[in-house]
Protein backbone atom coordinates (compact mmCIF):
# COMPACT_ATOMS: atom_id res chain seq x y z
CA UNK A 1 0.00 0.00 0.00
CA UNK A 2 1.40 3.40 -0.89
CA UNK A 3 0.84 6.64 0.97
CA UNK A 4 -1.63 7.67 -1.74
CA UNK A 5 -4.04 4.83 -1.02
CA UNK A 6 -3.79 4.88 2.78
CA UNK A 7 -7.33 4.76 4.21
CA UNK A 8 -6.86 7.78 6.50
CA UNK A 9 -9.27 8.20 9.37
CA UNK A 10 -12.05 10.73 9.06
CA UNK A 11 -12.20 13.36 11.83
CA UNK A 12 -14.94 11.36 13.62
CA UNK A 13 -12.98 8.10 13.27
CA UNK A 14 -9.80 9.78 14.50
CA UNK A 15 -11.65 11.19 17.50
CA UNK A 16 -13.06 7.76 18.34
CA UNK A 17 -9.63 6.15 17.94
CA UNK A 18 -7.95 8.71 20.20
CA UNK A 19 -10.64 8.23 22.85
CA UNK A 20 -10.21 4.44 22.74
CA UNK A 21 -6.41 4.77 22.80
CA UNK A 22 -6.64 6.97 25.91
CA UNK A 23 -9.02 4.45 27.51
CA UNK A 24 -6.65 1.56 26.74
CA UNK A 25 -3.76 3.37 28.42
CA UNK A 26 -5.42 5.17 31.31
CA UNK A 27 -7.96 2.63 32.60
CA UNK A 28 -5.48 -0.22 33.15
CA UNK A 29 -3.03 2.21 34.76
CA UNK A 30 -5.72 3.54 37.13
CA UNK A 31 -6.83 0.02 38.06
CA UNK A 32 -3.21 -1.02 38.58
CA UNK A 33 -2.68 1.90 40.97
CA UNK A 34 -5.79 0.98 42.96
CA UNK A 35 -4.83 -2.70 43.24
CA UNK A 36 -1.23 -1.90 44.23
CA UNK A 37 -2.44 0.58 46.85
CA UNK A 38 -5.23 -1.52 48.33
CA UNK A 39 -4.04 -5.10 47.83
CA UNK A 40 -0.34 -5.01 47.02
CA UNK A 41 -1.06 -6.66 43.66
CA UNK A 42 -0.52 -5.55 40.10
CA UNK A 43 -3.47 -5.71 37.73
CA UNK A 44 -1.78 -8.65 36.01
CA UNK A 45 -1.28 -10.52 39.29
CA UNK A 46 -4.92 -9.89 40.19
CA UNK A 47 -6.03 -11.22 36.79
CA UNK A 48 -4.03 -14.42 37.32
CA UNK A 49 -5.45 -14.99 40.80
CA UNK A 50 -8.95 -14.03 39.69
CA UNK A 51 -9.09 -16.40 36.72
CA UNK A 52 -7.85 -19.25 38.92
CA UNK A 53 -10.42 -18.41 41.61
CA UNK A 54 -13.22 -18.95 39.10
CA UNK A 55 -12.12 -22.47 38.12
CA UNK A 56 -13.98 -25.25 39.99
CA UNK A 57 -10.71 -26.78 41.22
CA UNK A 58 -8.82 -23.45 41.19
CA UNK A 59 -6.42 -25.01 38.65
CA UNK A 60 -5.63 -23.98 35.10
CA UNK A 61 -2.97 -24.71 32.51
CA UNK A 62 -0.37 -21.92 32.43
CA UNK A 63 -0.73 -21.60 28.66
CA UNK A 64 -4.49 -21.03 29.09
CA UNK A 65 -3.87 -18.34 31.71
CA UNK A 66 -1.42 -16.65 29.34
CA UNK A 67 -4.02 -16.69 26.56
CA UNK A 68 -6.70 -15.28 28.87
CA UNK A 69 -4.38 -12.49 30.03
CA UNK A 70 -2.90 -11.80 26.58
CA UNK A 71 0.50 -12.50 28.05
CA UNK A 72 3.62 -14.33 27.02
CA UNK A 73 4.39 -17.52 28.91
CA UNK A 74 7.66 -15.92 29.99
CA UNK A 75 5.91 -12.95 31.63
CA UNK A 76 3.35 -15.26 33.23
CA UNK A 77 6.10 -17.55 34.50
CA UNK A 78 7.87 -14.64 36.23
CA UNK A 79 4.60 -13.47 37.76
CA UNK A 80 3.65 -17.00 38.84
CA UNK A 81 7.05 -17.35 40.50
CA UNK A 82 6.37 -14.20 42.58
CA UNK A 83 2.84 -15.37 43.43
CA UNK A 84 4.17 -18.80 44.34
CA UNK A 85 6.82 -17.25 46.62
CA UNK A 86 4.05 -15.23 48.32
CA UNK A 87 2.10 -18.47 48.88
CA UNK A 88 -0.77 -17.56 46.54
CA UNK A 89 -0.36 -20.36 44.00
CA UNK A 90 1.52 -23.54 43.28
CA UNK A 91 2.75 -24.88 39.95
CA UNK A 92 2.94 -28.54 38.95
CA UNK A 93 4.34 -30.14 35.81
CA UNK A 94 1.68 -32.07 33.90
CA UNK A 95 2.71 -35.68 33.21
CA UNK A 96 3.23 -36.68 29.60
CA UNK A 97 4.97 -35.18 26.64
CA UNK A 98 5.81 -31.53 26.33
CA UNK A 99 6.44 -28.88 28.94
CA UNK A 100 2.98 -28.33 30.35
CA UNK A 101 2.41 -26.78 33.74
CA UNK A 102 -0.71 -26.29 35.81
CA UNK A 103 -1.14 -23.44 38.28
CA UNK A 104 -3.33 -23.96 41.33
CA UNK A 105 -4.63 -21.19 43.56
CA UNK A 106 -3.84 -21.86 47.23
CA UNK A 107 -6.22 -21.08 50.07
CA UNK A 108 -4.09 -17.99 50.82
CA UNK A 109 -4.36 -16.93 47.16
CA UNK A 110 -8.11 -17.41 47.24
CA UNK A 111 -8.37 -15.29 50.38
CA UNK A 112 -6.14 -12.64 48.76
CA UNK A 113 -8.29 -12.33 45.65
CA UNK A 114 -11.48 -12.33 47.75
CA UNK A 115 -10.06 -9.52 49.89
CA UNK A 116 -8.93 -7.52 46.84
CA UNK A 117 -12.14 -7.92 44.83
CA UNK A 118 -14.50 -5.49 46.63
CA UNK A 119 -12.24 -2.43 46.28
CA UNK A 120 -11.36 -3.43 42.72
CA UNK A 121 -15.02 -3.76 41.74
CA UNK A 122 -15.79 -0.41 43.37
CA UNK A 123 -13.02 1.17 41.27
CA UNK A 124 -14.26 -0.51 38.06
CA UNK A 125 -17.71 0.87 38.86
CA UNK A 126 -16.39 4.36 39.62
CA UNK A 127 -14.21 4.62 36.52
CA UNK A 128 -16.32 2.77 33.95
CA UNK A 129 -19.69 1.28 34.84
CA UNK A 130 -21.24 4.15 36.77
CA UNK A 131 -20.26 6.81 34.22
CA UNK A 132 -22.21 5.02 31.48
CA UNK A 133 -25.93 4.56 31.13
CA UNK A 134 -27.35 1.03 30.58
CA UNK A 135 -27.53 1.47 26.81
CA UNK A 136 -23.90 2.52 26.69
CA UNK A 137 -22.90 -0.53 28.74
CA UNK A 138 -24.59 -2.74 26.15
CA UNK A 139 -22.88 -0.90 23.27
CA UNK A 140 -19.49 -1.09 25.01
CA UNK A 141 -19.97 -4.82 25.54
CA UNK A 142 -20.83 -5.37 21.87
CA UNK A 143 -17.89 -3.22 20.74
CA UNK A 144 -15.52 -5.13 23.01
CA UNK A 145 -16.68 -8.48 21.63
CA UNK A 146 -16.36 -7.30 18.02
CA UNK A 147 -12.85 -5.94 18.54
CA UNK A 148 -11.67 -9.07 20.37
CA UNK A 149 -13.01 -11.23 17.56
CA UNK A 150 -11.35 -9.00 14.91
CA UNK A 151 -8.04 -9.43 16.72
CA UNK A 152 -8.46 -13.20 17.00
CA UNK A 153 -11.59 -14.86 15.61
CA UNK A 154 -10.77 -18.05 17.55
CA UNK A 155 -10.16 -16.28 20.86
CA UNK A 156 -12.55 -17.49 23.51
CA UNK A 157 -10.70 -15.82 26.39
CA UNK A 158 -13.82 -14.06 27.59
CA UNK A 159 -15.97 -17.19 27.36
CA UNK A 160 -19.72 -16.75 27.22
CA UNK A 161 -19.39 -13.02 27.90
CA UNK A 162 -17.93 -12.50 24.41
């Protein structure tokens, strides 16, 4: 594609893109600050503990956690090592071929995520949910699902929600 046939954004499209770009940068940073302040966890650490807490046996394959969190296995491994050292999860090699590892949320990890959740949910409400009306929540949900599917049509990281 040459510069002459670049599909430049219209003023309305550019405005929407800049608003979304600001949201993508500022919302995670604000939630990270709240979680660090109130729970001593990064947003990424909270996501790892949270996804494990929702599994019936509190166990999940590391590669599945990485997919859910849009993370590399290397980053997840470093984070899991810190969480393991803090007593919040354990890791076990899965028998068989390949290097597969399961992460399991400990009782202490479960208590940590339960303790962190109320303040985190209040902040999500304050920064996102409560500033939108119900129709906007529905539109935001549909937009989120469409964008996630455009990025990866096979991505089922958000399960039934997406």
